Amino acid sequence: DFDEIGLGEICAIFDVECASGDTFTDGTSSYSMTSMFVLDPVISLAIKPIGTETPNFSCALHRFQKEDPTFRVLHVDHESKETIISGIGELHLEIYVERMKCEYGVAGTTRRPQVVFCETLLFAPLWRPTVRTALRPLCQPWTA
């Protein structure tokens, strides 16, 4: 146990509600450290709890997001009922999935997120495809 920590020294505090990068002072000064440079997430993963979703699932995601600025919960896909999480690597996300199972008792299935997209025409097509017959060419020019 220490009464004070000097400049440049690193310490650990337990059972304190805080986020990564918080600054602690004695209360008489209002100093604040500059925020850390955080890498942008490069990989996403879809996770769905096995069985029914419990409060432990969202509690775990909230805690992980609070303690690690590189871990992000992007959104919940309402069609597949999966939560899309993202981080700085595949191993990074696998560790959080394993921690969720060990620390919170929530097992989940993971897979790469499906990309749902809709196609639309941006301009009129130049060719109109037709069925090839012996008398017609494969494509005919589009005439408006």
Protein backbone atom coordinates (compact mmCIF):
# COMPACT_ATOMS: atom_id res chain seq x y z
CA ASP A 1 0.00 0.00 0.00
CA PHE A 2 1.23 3.46 -0.93
CA ASP A 3 0.07 6.89 0.18
CA GLU A 4 1.26 8.67 -2.94
CA ILE A 5 2.48 7.90 -6.44
CA GLY A 6 5.19 10.06 -8.01
CA LEU A 7 5.36 11.47 -11.51
CA GLY A 8 6.00 8.86 -14.18
CA GLU A 9 5.24 5.96 -11.85
CA ILE A 10 2.65 3.39 -12.82
CA CYS A 11 0.23 1.93 -10.31
CA ALA A 12 -2.88 -0.24 -10.29
CA ILE A 13 -6.07 0.55 -8.42
CA PHE A 14 -8.69 -2.11 -7.78
CA ASP A 15 -12.46 -1.82 -7.23
CA VAL A 16 -12.66 1.70 -8.63
CA GLU A 17 -15.28 2.53 -11.25
CA CYS A 18 -13.28 4.14 -14.05
CA ALA A 19 -12.53 3.93 -17.75
CA SER A 20 -9.22 3.45 -19.50
CA GLY A 21 -7.34 6.76 -19.67
CA ASP A 22 -9.01 8.42 -16.65
CA THR A 23 -6.88 10.83 -14.60
CA PHE A 24 -6.90 10.68 -10.78
CA THR A 25 -5.92 13.61 -8.55
CA ASP A 26 -6.27 14.51 -4.87
CA GLY A 27 -9.24 16.72 -5.69
CA THR A 28 -7.48 20.06 -5.13
CA SER A 29 -6.21 20.30 -8.69
CA SER A 30 -8.11 20.00 -11.93
CA TYR A 31 -5.41 18.51 -14.11
CA SER A 32 -6.33 16.15 -16.88
CA MET A 33 -4.02 14.06 -19.00
CA THR A 34 -4.37 14.12 -22.76
CA SER A 35 -6.30 11.21 -24.17
CA MET A 36 -4.52 8.19 -25.58
CA PHE A 37 -4.12 7.49 -29.27
CA VAL A 38 -6.45 4.59 -29.99
CA LEU A 39 -6.25 2.45 -33.09
CA ASP A 40 -9.36 2.16 -35.21
CA PRO A 41 -10.96 -1.28 -35.30
CA VAL A 42 -9.94 -3.35 -38.29
CA ILE A 43 -12.04 -6.48 -37.91
CA SER A 44 -15.63 -7.17 -36.93
CA LEU A 45 -17.28 -10.27 -35.58
CA ALA A 46 -20.91 -11.26 -35.11
CA ILE A 47 -21.72 -12.78 -31.73
CA LYS A 48 -24.99 -14.25 -30.50
CA PRO A 49 -25.54 -15.73 -27.03
CA ILE A 50 -26.48 -19.39 -26.95
CA GLY A 51 -30.04 -19.66 -25.67
CA THR A 52 -31.76 -16.54 -24.43
CA GLU A 53 -29.91 -13.27 -23.99
CA THR A 54 -29.25 -12.50 -20.31
CA PRO A 55 -28.31 -9.22 -18.64
CA ASN A 56 -24.80 -10.65 -18.21
CA PHE A 57 -24.30 -10.48 -21.98
CA SER A 58 -24.89 -6.73 -22.21
CA CYS A 59 -23.07 -6.14 -18.90
CA ALA A 60 -19.98 -7.92 -20.25
CA LEU A 61 -20.03 -5.95 -23.49
CA HIS A 62 -20.43 -2.68 -21.59
CA ARG A 63 -17.55 -3.49 -19.24
CA PHE A 64 -15.23 -4.61 -22.04
CA GLN A 65 -15.97 -1.47 -24.02
CA LYS A 66 -15.31 0.69 -20.98
CA GLU A 67 -11.99 -0.91 -20.07
CA ASP A 68 -10.58 -1.23 -23.59
CA PRO A 69 -10.95 1.70 -26.02
CA THR A 70 -10.01 -0.51 -28.98
CA PHE A 71 -13.01 -2.81 -28.37
CA ARG A 72 -16.27 -1.47 -29.76
CA VAL A 73 -19.84 -2.67 -29.96
CA LEU A 74 -21.01 -1.43 -33.35
CA HIS A 75 -24.68 -2.37 -33.42
CA VAL A 76 -27.23 -5.13 -33.06
CA ASP A 77 -28.47 -6.66 -36.30
CA HIS A 78 -32.22 -6.88 -35.82
CA GLU A 79 -32.69 -9.43 -38.61
CA SER A 80 -30.27 -12.03 -37.27
CA LYS A 81 -30.38 -10.93 -33.57
CA GLU A 82 -26.57 -10.80 -33.55
CA THR A 83 -24.37 -8.19 -31.92
CA ILE A 84 -21.56 -6.87 -34.11
CA ILE A 85 -18.37 -6.23 -32.14
CA SER A 86 -15.14 -4.89 -33.51
CA GLY A 87 -11.51 -4.74 -32.44
CA ILE A 88 -7.91 -4.59 -33.59
CA GLY A 89 -7.48 -8.24 -34.44
CA GLU A 90 -9.07 -11.66 -34.58
CA LEU A 91 -7.22 -12.86 -31.48
CA HIS A 92 -8.28 -9.69 -29.64
CA LEU A 93 -11.95 -10.48 -30.25
CA GLU A 94 -11.55 -14.20 -29.49
CA ILE A 95 -10.09 -13.29 -26.08
CA TYR A 96 -13.15 -11.20 -25.26
CA VAL A 97 -15.50 -13.99 -26.36
CA GLU A 98 -13.61 -16.39 -24.07
CA ARG A 99 -13.64 -13.88 -21.18
CA MET A 100 -17.39 -13.51 -21.62
CA LYS A 101 -17.77 -17.26 -21.20
CA CYS A 102 -15.41 -17.56 -18.21
CA GLU A 103 -16.17 -14.37 -16.25
CA TYR A 104 -19.86 -13.88 -17.02
CA GLY A 105 -21.02 -17.40 -17.83
CA VAL A 106 -22.36 -16.36 -21.23
CA ALA A 107 -21.40 -18.69 -24.06
CA GLY A 108 -21.91 -17.38 -27.55
CA THR A 109 -21.59 -18.43 -31.14
CA THR A 110 -19.48 -16.29 -33.41
CA ARG A 111 -19.16 -15.85 -37.13
CA ARG A 112 -18.18 -13.19 -39.55
CA PRO A 113 -21.00 -10.68 -40.00
CA GLN A 114 -23.10 -11.03 -43.11
CA VAL A 115 -23.14 -7.98 -45.29
CA VAL A 116 -26.66 -7.13 -46.27
CA PHE A 117 -26.78 -4.86 -49.28
CA CYS A 118 -29.24 -3.66 -51.86
CA GLU A 119 -28.34 -2.97 -55.45
CA THR A 120 -29.78 -0.09 -57.37
CA LEU A 121 -29.31 1.35 -60.83
CA LEU A 122 -27.42 4.62 -60.95
CA PHE A 123 -27.95 5.23 -64.68
CA ALA A 124 -29.84 3.76 -67.60
CA PRO A 125 -28.28 0.57 -68.98
CA LEU A 126 -26.53 0.80 -72.33
CA TRP A 127 -27.51 -2.68 -73.49
CA ARG A 128 -30.67 -4.70 -73.09
CA PRO A 129 -29.90 -8.41 -72.72
CA THR A 130 -32.18 -10.67 -74.67
CA VAL A 131 -32.55 -14.39 -75.16
CA ARG A 132 -30.20 -15.60 -77.84
CA THR A 133 -31.86 -17.17 -80.79
CA ALA A 134 -30.56 -18.15 -84.18
CA LEU A 135 -31.98 -14.98 -85.74
CA ARG A 136 -31.00 -12.37 -83.06
CA PRO A 137 -27.63 -11.21 -81.71
CA LEU A 138 -26.84 -11.69 -78.00
CA CYS A 139 -27.39 -8.04 -76.99
CA GLN A 140 -29.19 -5.19 -78.64
CA PRO A 141 -28.46 -1.48 -78.09
CA TRP A 142 -30.83 0.20 -75.63
CA THR A 143 -33.21 2.58 -77.32
CA ALA A 144 -35.18 4.93 -75.19
